[in-house]
N, C-alpha and C. Protein backbone atom coordinates (compact mmCIF):
# COMPACT_ATOMS: atom_id res chain seq x y z
N UNK A 1 1.16 -1.40 0.19
CA UNK A 1 -0.21 0.05 0.02
C UNK A 1 0.43 1.07 0.17
N UNK A 2 1.68 1.50 1.41
CA UNK A 2 2.27 2.80 1.35
C UNK A 2 3.65 2.08 1.37
N UNK A 3 4.98 2.89 0.85
CA UNK A 3 6.17 2.35 1.13
C UNK A 3 6.69 2.35 2.51
N UNK A 4 6.24 3.07 3.23
CA UNK A 4 6.77 3.34 4.64
C UNK A 4 5.93 2.40 5.16
N UNK A 5 6.69 1.55 5.94
CA UNK A 5 5.93 0.25 7.09
C UNK A 5 5.21 0.74 8.46
N UNK A 6 5.48 2.25 8.75
CA UNK A 6 4.75 2.42 9.96
C UNK A 6 3.75 3.25 9.56
N UNK A 7 3.70 3.98 8.14
CA UNK A 7 2.31 4.20 7.53
C UNK A 7 1.51 3.12 7.66
N UNK A 8 1.56 2.08 7.08
CA UNK A 8 0.78 1.20 6.57
C UNK A 8 0.38 0.26 8.42
N UNK A 9 1.22 0.32 9.48
CA UNK A 9 0.58 -0.23 10.51
C UNK A 9 -0.29 0.53 11.48
N UNK A 10 0.18 1.98 10.89
CA UNK A 10 -0.71 3.13 11.47
C UNK A 10 -2.09 3.08 11.05
N UNK A 11 -2.32 2.73 9.84
CA UNK A 11 -3.43 3.01 8.98
C UNK A 11 -4.41 1.90 9.29
N UNK A 12 -3.73 0.55 9.21
CA UNK A 12 -4.56 -0.76 9.91
C UNK A 12 -4.96 -0.83 11.20
N UNK A 13 -4.20 0.17 12.17
CA UNK A 13 -4.67 0.18 13.89
C UNK A 13 -5.69 1.23 13.46
N UNK A 14 -5.70 2.32 12.84
CA UNK A 14 -6.86 3.77 12.91
C UNK A 14 -8.21 2.35 11.83
N UNK A 15 -8.12 1.56 11.08
CA UNK A 15 -9.14 1.19 10.55
C UNK A 15 -9.40 0.13 11.64
N UNK A 16 -9.16 -0.79 12.20
CA UNK A 16 -9.47 -1.49 13.35
C UNK A 16 -10.25 -0.93 14.69
N UNK A 17 -9.24 0.15 14.91
CA UNK A 17 -10.16 1.43 16.31
C UNK A 17 -11.51 1.63 15.63
N UNK A 18 -11.96 2.40 14.30
CA UNK A 18 -13.01 2.61 13.82
C UNK A 18 -14.18 1.51 13.73
N UNK A 19 -13.82 0.37 13.44
CA UNK A 19 -14.46 -0.81 13.17
C UNK A 19 -15.20 -0.55 14.30
N UNK A 20 -14.07 -0.99 15.69
CA UNK A 20 -14.41 -1.42 17.12
C UNK A 20 -15.65 -0.58 17.21
N UNK A 21 -14.75 0.63 17.40
CA UNK A 21 -16.15 2.26 17.78
C UNK A 21 -17.42 1.72 17.58
N UNK A 22 -17.70 1.70 15.80
CA UNK A 22 -18.69 1.09 15.09
C UNK A 22 -19.38 0.38 15.73
N UNK A 23 -18.95 -0.70 15.82
CA UNK A 23 -19.59 -2.05 16.11
C UNK A 23 -19.98 -1.81 18.07
N UNK A 24 -19.16 -1.09 18.43
CA UNK A 24 -19.80 -0.96 19.59
C UNK A 24 -20.60 0.13 20.03
N UNK A 25 -20.91 1.08 19.12
CA UNK A 25 -22.04 2.15 18.91
C UNK A 25 -23.38 1.16 18.39
N UNK A 26 -23.22 0.57 17.31
CA UNK A 26 -24.55 -0.36 17.12
C UNK A 26 -25.03 -1.16 18.46
N UNK A 27 -23.80 -2.07 18.51
CA UNK A 27 -24.38 -2.96 19.85
C UNK A 27 -25.16 -2.14 21.11
N UNK A 28 -24.55 -1.31 21.52
CA UNK A 28 -24.31 -0.41 22.62
C UNK A 28 -26.28 0.46 22.39
N UNK A 29 -26.56 0.82 20.87
CA UNK A 29 -28.03 0.98 20.87
C UNK A 29 -29.18 0.03 20.53
N UNK A 30 -28.31 -1.14 19.88
CA UNK A 30 -29.24 -1.85 20.03
C UNK A 30 -29.83 -2.56 21.50
N UNK A 31 -28.78 -2.96 22.12
CA UNK A 31 -29.52 -3.72 23.28
C UNK A 31 -30.10 -2.65 24.52
N UNK A 32 -29.63 -1.36 24.47
CA UNK A 32 -30.07 -0.45 25.89
C UNK A 32 -31.16 0.55 25.28
N UNK A 33 -31.21 0.68 23.81
CA UNK A 33 -32.88 1.14 23.30
C UNK A 33 -33.72 0.18 23.28
N UNK A 34 -33.60 -0.71 23.39
CA UNK A 34 -34.67 -2.31 23.81
C UNK A 34 -35.38 -1.93 25.20
N UNK A 35 -34.19 -1.74 26.05
CA UNK A 35 -34.67 -1.99 27.34
C UNK A 35 -35.32 -0.88 28.07
N UNK A 36 -34.93 0.51 27.39
CA UNK A 36 -35.72 1.47 27.62
C UNK A 36 -37.35 1.76 27.33
N UNK A 37 -37.43 1.19 26.06
CA UNK A 37 -38.45 1.15 25.24
C UNK A 37 -39.44 -0.23 26.20
N UNK A 38 -39.13 -0.94 26.53
CA UNK A 38 -40.20 -1.89 27.46
C UNK A 38 -40.81 -1.13 28.64
N UNK A 39 -40.36 0.29 29.33
CA UNK A 39 -40.79 0.66 30.45
C UNK A 39 -41.64 0.65 30.45
N UNK A 40 -42.69 1.88 30.16
CA UNK A 40 -44.43 1.86 30.41
C UNK A 40 -44.93 1.59 28.83
N UNK A 41 -45.59 0.80 29.17
CA UNK A 41 -46.66 -0.23 27.66
C UNK A 41 -47.58 1.18 27.43
N UNK A 42 -47.52 1.16 25.67
CA UNK A 42 -48.73 1.94 25.30
C UNK A 42 -49.87 1.43 25.59
N UNK A 43 -50.64 2.36 25.34
CA UNK A 43 -52.41 2.07 25.46
C UNK A 43 -52.64 0.92 24.70
N UNK A 44 -51.99 0.99 23.32
CA UNK A 44 -52.38 -0.15 22.52
C UNK A 44 -52.13 -1.78 23.41
N UNK A 45 -50.59 -1.53 23.74
CA UNK A 45 -50.43 -2.72 24.34
C UNK A 45 -51.44 -2.96 25.61
N UNK A 46 -51.62 -2.12 26.42
CA UNK A 46 -52.54 -2.37 27.77
C UNK A 46 -53.97 -3.05 27.32
N UNK A 47 -54.47 -2.16 26.23
CA UNK A 47 -55.71 -2.63 25.60
C UNK A 47 -55.45 -4.54 25.22
N UNK A 48 -54.29 -4.57 24.21
CA UNK A 48 -54.37 -5.52 23.78
C UNK A 48 -54.04 -6.57 24.99
N UNK A 49 -53.72 -6.75 25.93
CA UNK A 49 -53.15 -7.32 27.03
C UNK A 49 -54.21 -7.79 28.15
N UNK A 50 -55.48 -7.02 27.86
CA UNK A 50 -56.50 -6.80 29.01
C UNK A 50 -57.53 -7.63 28.87
N UNK A 51 -58.51 -8.33 29.21
CA UNK A 51 -59.17 -9.32 29.72
C UNK A 51 -60.47 -8.77 30.16
N UNK A 52 -61.36 -8.67 29.82
CA UNK A 52 -62.83 -8.17 30.38
C UNK A 52 -63.78 -9.39 31.20
N UNK A 53 -63.90 -9.56 31.79
CA UNK A 53 -64.57 -10.60 32.43
C UNK A 53 -66.09 -10.25 32.09
N UNK A 54 -66.66 -11.52 32.24
CA UNK A 54 -68.44 -11.38 31.92
C UNK A 54 -68.73 -10.69 33.52
N UNK A 55 -70.54 -10.17 33.18
CA UNK A 55 -70.89 -9.71 34.17
C UNK A 55 -71.25 -10.90 35.30
N UNK A 56 -70.92 -10.27 36.57
CA UNK A 56 -71.07 -11.36 37.87
C UNK A 56 -72.18 -10.96 38.37
N UNK A 57 -72.61 -11.63 39.05
CA UNK A 57 -73.81 -11.27 39.90
C UNK A 57 -73.88 -12.19 41.39
N UNK A 58 -73.78 -11.75 42.80
CA UNK A 58 -73.86 -12.16 43.54
C UNK A 58 -74.58 -11.66 45.02
N UNK A 59 -74.52 -12.48 45.94
CA UNK A 59 -74.80 -11.88 47.48
C UNK A 59 -73.94 -11.23 47.73
N UNK A 60 -73.91 -10.21 48.51
CA UNK A 60 -72.58 -9.52 49.71
C UNK A 60 -73.29 -9.90 50.94
N UNK A 61 -72.18 -9.51 51.88
CA UNK A 61 -72.54 -9.91 52.96
C UNK A 61 -73.54 -9.45 53.74
N UNK A 62 -73.83 -8.13 53.19
CA UNK A 62 -74.73 -7.70 53.83
C UNK A 62 -76.25 -7.73 53.85
N UNK A 63 -76.53 -8.98 52.54
CA UNK A 63 -77.78 -9.28 51.76
C UNK A 63 -78.24 -8.61 50.89
N UNK A 64 -77.27 -7.96 50.32
CA UNK A 64 -77.87 -6.93 49.12
C UNK A 64 -76.95 -7.84 47.73
N UNK A 65 -77.38 -7.65 46.63
CA UNK A 65 -76.75 -8.07 45.70
C UNK A 65 -75.74 -7.32 44.73
N UNK A 66 -74.82 -7.33 44.72
CA UNK A 66 -73.77 -6.63 43.45
C UNK A 66 -73.85 -7.74 41.98
N UNK A 67 -74.06 -6.46 41.01
CA UNK A 67 -73.62 -6.99 39.71
C UNK A 67 -72.22 -6.25 39.63
N UNK A 68 -70.96 -6.95 39.09
CA UNK A 68 -70.42 -6.06 38.75
C UNK A 68 -69.41 -7.13 37.64
N UNK A 69 -68.67 -6.08 36.93
CA UNK A 69 -67.68 -6.31 35.72
C UNK A 69 -66.08 -5.54 35.84
N UNK A 70 -65.31 -6.54 35.51
CA UNK A 70 -64.10 -6.12 35.80
C UNK A 70 -62.89 -6.18 34.54
N UNK A 71 -62.13 -5.53 34.30
CA UNK A 71 -60.98 -5.72 33.46
C UNK A 71 -59.75 -5.80 33.90
N UNK A 72 -58.85 -6.78 33.68
CA UNK A 72 -57.50 -7.10 33.94
C UNK A 72 -56.69 -6.97 33.26
N UNK A 73 -55.69 -6.52 33.23
CA UNK A 73 -54.34 -6.05 32.99
C UNK A 73 -53.33 -7.27 32.80
N UNK A 74 -52.99 -7.38 31.79
CA UNK A 74 -51.79 -8.96 32.08
C UNK A 74 -50.71 -8.39 31.25
N UNK A 75 -49.29 -9.10 32.30
CA UNK A 75 -47.99 -8.89 32.11
C UNK A 75 -47.77 -8.98 30.58
N UNK A 76 -48.07 -9.82 29.84
CA UNK A 76 -47.72 -10.24 28.90
C UNK A 76 -48.91 -11.18 27.79
N UNK A 77 -48.32 -11.62 26.60
CA UNK A 77 -49.77 -12.31 25.79
C UNK A 77 -49.47 -13.83 26.66
N UNK A 78 -48.55 -14.31 27.28
CA UNK A 78 -48.65 -15.79 27.85
C UNK A 78 -49.61 -15.75 28.64
N UNK A 79 -49.67 -14.93 29.49
CA UNK A 79 -50.35 -14.81 30.67
C UNK A 79 -52.00 -14.60 30.68
N UNK A 80 -52.09 -13.51 29.30
CA UNK A 80 -53.27 -13.51 28.94
C UNK A 80 -53.96 -15.08 28.17
N UNK A 81 -53.30 -15.46 27.50
CA UNK A 81 -53.70 -16.71 27.14
C UNK A 81 -54.25 -17.68 28.41
N UNK A 82 -53.01 -17.80 29.39
CA UNK A 82 -53.37 -18.51 30.82
C UNK A 82 -54.65 -18.14 31.49
N UNK A 83 -54.79 -16.69 31.73
CA UNK A 83 -55.68 -15.98 32.11
C UNK A 83 -56.99 -16.25 31.62
N UNK A 84 -57.32 -16.84 30.31
CA UNK A 84 -58.70 -16.69 29.40
C UNK A 84 -58.65 -18.61 29.54
N UNK A 85 -57.75 -19.27 29.99
CA UNK A 85 -58.11 -20.91 30.35
C UNK A 85 -58.56 -20.62 31.37
N UNK A 86 -58.16 -19.59 32.46
CA UNK A 86 -58.42 -20.12 34.16
C UNK A 86 -59.88 -19.10 34.54
N UNK A 87 -60.18 -18.60 33.26
CA UNK A 87 -61.41 -17.80 33.49
C UNK A 87 -62.70 -18.55 34.63
N UNK A 88 -62.72 -19.37 34.71
CA UNK A 88 -63.89 -19.97 35.68
C UNK A 88 -62.66 -20.24 36.99
N UNK A 89 -61.70 -20.28 37.55
CA UNK A 89 -61.07 -19.65 38.39
C UNK A 89 -61.23 -18.57 38.90
N UNK A 90 -60.92 -17.55 37.96
CA UNK A 90 -60.90 -15.69 38.32
C UNK A 90 -62.11 -15.20 38.73
N UNK A 91 -63.33 -15.94 38.13
CA UNK A 91 -64.66 -15.92 38.72
C UNK A 91 -65.03 -16.40 39.91
N UNK A 92 -64.51 -17.33 40.12
CA UNK A 92 -64.78 -18.23 41.41
C UNK A 92 -63.91 -17.19 42.54
N UNK A 93 -62.69 -16.69 42.39
CA UNK A 93 -62.07 -15.90 43.01
C UNK A 93 -62.73 -14.43 43.46
N UNK A 94 -63.30 -13.95 42.15
CA UNK A 94 -64.27 -12.68 42.32
C UNK A 94 -65.74 -12.81 43.27
N UNK A 95 -66.18 -13.89 42.86
CA UNK A 95 -67.64 -14.25 43.69
C UNK A 95 -67.02 -14.45 45.25
N UNK A 96 -66.24 -14.97 45.59
CA UNK A 96 -65.56 -15.02 46.95
C UNK A 96 -65.14 -13.70 47.65
N UNK A 97 -64.49 -13.03 46.75
CA UNK A 97 -64.13 -11.72 47.14
C UNK A 97 -65.37 -10.75 47.85
N UNK A 98 -66.14 -11.16 47.03
CA UNK A 98 -67.42 -9.79 47.08
C UNK A 98 -68.47 -10.52 47.90
N UNK A 99 -68.41 -11.99 48.13
CA UNK A 99 -69.39 -12.19 49.16
C UNK A 99 -68.91 -12.19 50.26
N UNK A 100 -67.57 -11.57 50.77
CA UNK A 100 -67.41 -11.00 51.94
C UNK A 100 -66.87 -9.64 52.28
N UNK A 101 -67.89 -9.20 51.16
CA UNK A 101 -67.93 -7.39 51.66
C UNK A 101 -69.43 -7.13 51.86
N UNK A 102 -69.51 -5.84 52.59
CA UNK A 102 -70.77 -5.09 52.62
C UNK A 102 -70.89 -4.18 51.58
N UNK A 103 -72.37 -3.74 51.77
CA UNK A 103 -72.71 -2.71 50.84
C UNK A 103 -72.14 -1.25 51.15
N UNK A 104 -71.39 -1.19 52.28
CA UNK A 104 -70.84 -0.36 52.56
C UNK A 104 -69.20 -0.28 52.50
N UNK A 105 -68.78 -1.12 51.93
CA UNK A 105 -67.46 -1.09 51.73
C UNK A 105 -67.44 -0.67 50.14
N UNK A 106 -68.31 -0.23 49.22
CA UNK A 106 -68.36 0.40 48.18
C UNK A 106 -68.66 1.83 47.79
N UNK A 107 -68.80 2.14 49.28
CA UNK A 107 -69.28 3.51 49.35
C UNK A 107 -68.36 4.71 48.94
N UNK A 108 -66.73 4.06 48.94
CA UNK A 108 -65.64 5.04 48.66
C UNK A 108 -64.80 4.30 48.21
N UNK A 109 -63.54 5.12 47.60
CA UNK A 109 -63.17 4.56 46.59
C UNK A 109 -62.06 3.58 47.01
N UNK A 110 -61.96 3.91 48.30
CA UNK A 110 -60.93 2.88 49.38
C UNK A 110 -61.25 1.46 49.09
N UNK A 111 -62.77 1.29 49.54
CA UNK A 111 -63.06 -0.01 49.58
C UNK A 111 -62.43 -1.22 48.17
N UNK A 112 -63.08 -0.14 47.05
CA UNK A 112 -63.03 -0.53 45.42
C UNK A 112 -61.46 -1.18 45.30
N UNK A 113 -60.54 0.10 45.74
CA UNK A 113 -59.00 -0.41 45.56
C UNK A 113 -58.48 -1.44 46.60
N UNK A 114 -59.09 -1.62 47.54
CA UNK A 114 -58.60 -2.75 48.03
C UNK A 114 -59.09 -4.05 47.74
N UNK A 115 -60.84 -3.91 47.17
CA UNK A 115 -61.10 -5.08 46.25
C UNK A 115 -60.08 -5.63 45.27
N UNK A 116 -60.04 -4.63 44.43
CA UNK A 116 -59.14 -4.95 43.43
C UNK A 116 -57.39 -5.21 43.34
N UNK A 117 -57.09 -4.88 44.68
CA UNK A 117 -56.02 -5.40 45.10
C UNK A 117 -55.92 -6.77 45.55
N UNK A 118 -57.06 -6.90 46.35
CA UNK A 118 -57.08 -8.74 46.50
C UNK A 118 -57.24 -9.42 45.59
N UNK A 119 -57.98 -9.17 44.59
CA UNK A 119 -58.07 -9.57 43.67
C UNK A 119 -57.32 -9.95 43.03
N UNK A 120 -56.25 -8.98 42.51
CA UNK A 120 -54.54 -9.18 41.71
C UNK A 120 -53.95 -10.28 42.75
N UNK A 121 -53.89 -10.25 43.79
CA UNK A 121 -52.71 -11.17 44.32
C UNK A 121 -53.29 -12.64 44.67
N UNK A 122 -54.50 -12.26 44.85
CA UNK A 122 -55.31 -14.08 44.51
C UNK A 122 -55.18 -14.89 43.54
N UNK A 123 -55.12 -14.00 42.41
CA UNK A 123 -55.17 -14.30 40.92
C UNK A 123 -53.43 -14.51 40.31
N UNK A 124 -52.83 -13.44 40.93
CA UNK A 124 -51.49 -13.92 40.88
C UNK A 124 -50.93 -15.40 41.45
N UNK A 125 -51.50 -15.94 42.22
CA UNK A 125 -51.37 -16.84 43.35
C UNK A 125 -51.60 -17.87 42.60
N UNK A 126 -52.47 -18.27 41.40
CA UNK A 126 -52.47 -19.43 40.73
C UNK A 126 -51.87 -19.13 39.57
N UNK A 127 -51.60 -17.68 38.65
CA UNK A 127 -51.24 -17.63 37.68
C UNK A 127 -49.43 -17.85 37.55
N UNK A 128 -49.35 -18.97 36.51
CA UNK A 128 -47.68 -19.46 36.38
C UNK A 128 -47.22 -18.82 35.34
N UNK A 129 -47.55 -18.18 34.18
CA UNK A 129 -46.96 -18.15 33.03
C UNK A 129 -46.81 -16.62 32.46
N UNK A 130 -47.07 -15.64 34.03
CA UNK A 130 -47.19 -14.36 33.96
C UNK A 130 -47.69 -13.66 34.88
N UNK A 131 -48.03 -12.41 35.08
CA UNK A 131 -48.96 -11.94 36.32
C UNK A 131 -49.96 -11.14 35.84
N UNK A 132 -50.83 -10.43 37.05
CA UNK A 132 -51.90 -9.63 36.86
C UNK A 132 -51.18 -8.33 37.51
N UNK A 133 -51.24 -7.55 36.16
CA UNK A 133 -50.61 -5.80 36.29
C UNK A 133 -51.66 -5.07 37.43
N UNK A 134 -53.04 -5.16 36.98
CA UNK A 134 -53.89 -4.35 37.39
C UNK A 134 -55.44 -4.76 37.47
N UNK A 135 -56.10 -4.96 38.11
CA UNK A 135 -57.97 -4.92 38.06
C UNK A 135 -58.68 -3.75 38.14
N UNK A 136 -59.18 -3.42 37.39
CA UNK A 136 -60.21 -2.32 37.00
C UNK A 136 -61.55 -2.78 37.38
N UNK A 137 -62.10 -2.06 38.36
CA UNK A 137 -63.49 -2.60 38.43
C UNK A 137 -64.44 -1.48 37.40
N UNK A 138 -65.11 -1.69 36.09
CA UNK A 138 -65.32 -0.71 35.63
C UNK A 138 -67.34 -0.85 35.26
N UNK A 139 -67.48 -1.71 36.17
CA UNK A 139 -69.27 -1.53 36.40
C UNK A 139 -69.66 -2.51 37.72
N UNK A 140 -70.44 -1.45 38.19
CA UNK A 140 -70.99 -2.03 39.78
C UNK A 140 -72.31 -1.43 39.98
N UNK A 141 -73.32 -2.40 40.28
CA UNK A 141 -74.69 -1.90 40.78
C UNK A 141 -75.12 -2.75 41.46
N UNK A 142 -75.33 -2.14 43.08
CA UNK A 142 -75.54 -2.57 44.28
C UNK A 142 -76.96 -2.32 44.38
N UNK A 143 -77.90 -3.69 44.96
CA UNK A 143 -79.34 -3.53 45.09
C UNK A 143 -79.52 -4.29 46.57
């Protein structure tokens, strides 16, 4: 290439360092930007990973009847598939939790939040391929 050996060696080292730098930059952006993108799910991902229960009617501890429906947000697609297979168990858990409550427990948001938390924890106990991220009560009628 060049007549001077020192210039040849210097050019080879310079090209090698440039290639290593470019490779490091590409690998860094590939691995670390994916991790940042997995932070908060988008609205579309939340909707895609959510399951709406059927309307559930049961008696409360205070001799009132409640008709309710829940939307359950799951961690990933595998968890959603498992959840759909376990829907009968989930409905049973919801009925058990509702049966232990009184109508006055639903008069404030704290009672609803507590119910959602208990349902999430109990369903997570039976889940194997993921977990429940959040439970939302989207319908409730007490008579």
